[in-house]
Amino acid sequence: MTVLIDPPNWPGPRGLMWSHLVSDSSLDELHTFAVLLGVPRRAFDRDHYDVPETVHAHALSLGAQAVSSRELLSRLIAAGLRRRKIR
């Protein structure tokens, strides 16, 4: 059971760079971690939270594992938690 975070490589609102926060075991684990991190539920998007660069270090201090974006996606898929957008 691990919460994963990728590098803040994604440009987003307020001129900040953003990361993705996921769990490789359950959405319940992810939501619980997001509460501890102080990330609002509105930041949740299907299978991940979008988090600003300003919380990246705090996520690591709470136990999130830093991984590449590619590994994050691979582990999300392997866990069966990937939820794609419906077109």
C-alpha atoms as a PDB file:
ATOM      1  CA  MET A   1       0.000   0.000   0.000  1.00  0.00           C
ATOM      2  CA  THR A   2       1.722   3.094  -1.264  1.00  0.00           C
ATOM      3  CA  VAL A   3       0.806   6.630  -2.184  1.00  0.00           C
ATOM      4  CA  LEU A   4       2.844   7.838  -5.161  1.00  0.00           C
ATOM      5  CA  ILE A   5       3.655  11.331  -6.394  1.00  0.00           C
ATOM      6  CA  ASP A   6       5.327  12.336  -9.636  1.00  0.00           C
ATOM      7  CA  PRO A   7       7.509  15.427 -10.144  1.00  0.00           C
ATOM      8  CA  PRO A   8       5.756  18.787 -10.484  1.00  0.00           C
ATOM      9  CA  ASN A   9       6.139  18.905 -14.269  1.00  0.00           C
ATOM     10  CA  TRP A  10       2.662  19.977 -15.357  1.00  0.00           C
ATOM     11  CA  PRO A  11       1.858  23.687 -15.795  1.00  0.00           C
ATOM     12  CA  GLY A  12      -1.399  24.712 -14.180  1.00  0.00           C
ATOM     13  CA  PRO A  13      -3.387  27.428 -12.467  1.00  0.00           C
ATOM     14  CA  ARG A  14      -1.790  30.318 -10.597  1.00  0.00           C
ATOM     15  CA  GLY A  15       1.461  29.899 -12.531  1.00  0.00           C
ATOM     16  CA  LEU A  16       2.399  26.804 -10.511  1.00  0.00           C
ATOM     17  CA  MET A  17       3.712  23.448 -11.645  1.00  0.00           C
ATOM     18  CA  TRP A  18       1.578  20.457 -10.632  1.00  0.00           C
ATOM     19  CA  SER A  19       2.045  16.799  -9.684  1.00  0.00           C
ATOM     20  CA  HIS A  20      -0.249  13.791  -9.650  1.00  0.00           C
ATOM     21  CA  LEU A  21      -0.936  11.951  -6.404  1.00  0.00           C
ATOM     22  CA  VAL A  22      -2.195   8.343  -6.644  1.00  0.00           C
ATOM     23  CA  SER A  23      -2.467   5.154  -4.616  1.00  0.00           C
ATOM     24  CA  ASP A  24      -1.350   1.776  -5.900  1.00  0.00           C
ATOM     25  CA  SER A  25      -3.845  -0.031  -3.671  1.00  0.00           C
ATOM     26  CA  SER A  26      -7.129   1.852  -3.158  1.00  0.00           C
ATOM     27  CA  LEU A  27      -8.943   5.111  -3.637  1.00  0.00           C
ATOM     28  CA  ASP A  28      -9.798   5.072   0.073  1.00  0.00           C
ATOM     29  CA  GLU A  29      -6.073   5.167   0.884  1.00  0.00           C
ATOM     30  CA  LEU A  30      -5.626   8.025  -1.587  1.00  0.00           C
ATOM     31  CA  HIS A  31      -8.498  10.079  -0.142  1.00  0.00           C
ATOM     32  CA  THR A  32      -7.247   9.530   3.427  1.00  0.00           C
ATOM     33  CA  PHE A  33      -3.751  10.679   2.451  1.00  0.00           C
ATOM     34  CA  ALA A  34      -5.141  13.735   0.654  1.00  0.00           C
ATOM     35  CA  VAL A  35      -6.965  14.764   3.837  1.00  0.00           C
ATOM     36  CA  LEU A  36      -3.707  14.455   5.825  1.00  0.00           C
ATOM     37  CA  LEU A  37      -1.950  16.510   3.172  1.00  0.00           C
ATOM     38  CA  GLY A  38      -4.666  19.178   3.291  1.00  0.00           C
ATOM     39  CA  VAL A  39      -5.661  18.769  -0.355  1.00  0.00           C
ATOM     40  CA  PRO A  40      -9.348  19.542  -1.016  1.00  0.00           C
ATOM     41  CA  ARG A  41     -11.583  16.868  -2.555  1.00  0.00           C
ATOM     42  CA  ARG A  42     -12.207  19.149  -5.552  1.00  0.00           C
ATOM     43  CA  ALA A  43      -8.590  18.407  -6.613  1.00  0.00           C
ATOM     44  CA  PHE A  44      -9.578  14.750  -7.249  1.00  0.00           C
ATOM     45  CA  ASP A  45      -9.930  13.799 -10.913  1.00  0.00           C
ATOM     46  CA  ARG A  46     -11.191  10.250 -11.597  1.00  0.00           C
ATOM     47  CA  ASP A  47      -8.154   8.362 -10.212  1.00  0.00           C
ATOM     48  CA  HIS A  48      -5.707  10.971  -8.935  1.00  0.00           C
ATOM     49  CA  TYR A  49      -5.310  14.278  -7.181  1.00  0.00           C
ATOM     50  CA  ASP A  50      -3.684  17.216  -8.909  1.00  0.00           C
ATOM     51  CA  VAL A  51      -1.421  18.856  -6.329  1.00  0.00           C
ATOM     52  CA  PRO A  52       0.665  22.029  -6.633  1.00  0.00           C
ATOM     53  CA  GLU A  53       4.430  22.086  -6.321  1.00  0.00           C
ATOM     54  CA  THR A  54       3.982  23.831  -2.965  1.00  0.00           C
ATOM     55  CA  VAL A  55       2.842  20.559  -1.308  1.00  0.00           C
ATOM     56  CA  HIS A  56       5.251  18.146  -3.018  1.00  0.00           C
ATOM     57  CA  ALA A  57       7.836  18.124  -0.203  1.00  0.00           C
ATOM     58  CA  HIS A  58       5.099  17.811   2.437  1.00  0.00           C
ATOM     59  CA  ALA A  59       3.641  14.787   0.618  1.00  0.00           C
ATOM     60  CA  LEU A  60       7.067  13.138   0.730  1.00  0.00           C
ATOM     61  CA  SER A  61       7.438  13.924   4.445  1.00  0.00           C
ATOM     62  CA  LEU A  62       4.088  12.202   5.074  1.00  0.00           C
ATOM     63  CA  GLY A  63       5.301   9.060   3.296  1.00  0.00           C
ATOM     64  CA  ALA A  64       4.425   9.464  -0.366  1.00  0.00           C
ATOM     65  CA  GLN A  65       6.917   7.778  -2.676  1.00  0.00           C
ATOM     66  CA  ALA A  66       8.484   9.940  -5.399  1.00  0.00           C
ATOM     67  CA  VAL A  67       8.316   8.219  -8.797  1.00  0.00           C
ATOM     68  CA  SER A  68       8.493   9.255 -12.424  1.00  0.00           C
ATOM     69  CA  SER A  69       5.274  10.084 -14.240  1.00  0.00           C
ATOM     70  CA  ARG A  70       5.708   6.942 -16.334  1.00  0.00           C
ATOM     71  CA  GLU A  71       6.087   4.713 -13.261  1.00  0.00           C
ATOM     72  CA  LEU A  72       3.130   6.398 -11.563  1.00  0.00           C
ATOM     73  CA  LEU A  73       0.888   5.608 -14.528  1.00  0.00           C
ATOM     74  CA  SER A  74       2.238   2.064 -14.849  1.00  0.00           C
ATOM     75  CA  ARG A  75       1.560   1.292 -11.187  1.00  0.00           C
ATOM     76  CA  LEU A  76      -1.895   2.893 -11.334  1.00  0.00           C
ATOM     77  CA  ILE A  77      -2.799   0.671 -14.291  1.00  0.00           C
ATOM     78  CA  ALA A  78      -1.297  -2.446 -12.651  1.00  0.00           C
ATOM     79  CA  ALA A  79      -3.395  -1.787  -9.542  1.00  0.00           C
ATOM     80  CA  GLY A  80      -6.552  -1.674 -11.670  1.00  0.00           C
ATOM     81  CA  LEU A  81      -7.313   1.870 -10.505  1.00  0.00           C
ATOM     82  CA  ARG A  82      -6.810   3.760 -13.785  1.00  0.00           C
ATOM     83  CA  ARG A  83     -10.006   5.518 -14.853  1.00  0.00           C
ATOM     84  CA  ARG A  84      -9.852   7.055 -18.308  1.00  0.00           C
ATOM     85  CA  LYS A  85     -12.023   9.892 -19.522  1.00  0.00           C
ATOM     86  CA  ILE A  86     -15.139   8.755 -21.333  1.00  0.00           C
ATOM     87  CA  ARG A  87     -15.266  10.247 -24.800  1.00  0.00           C
END
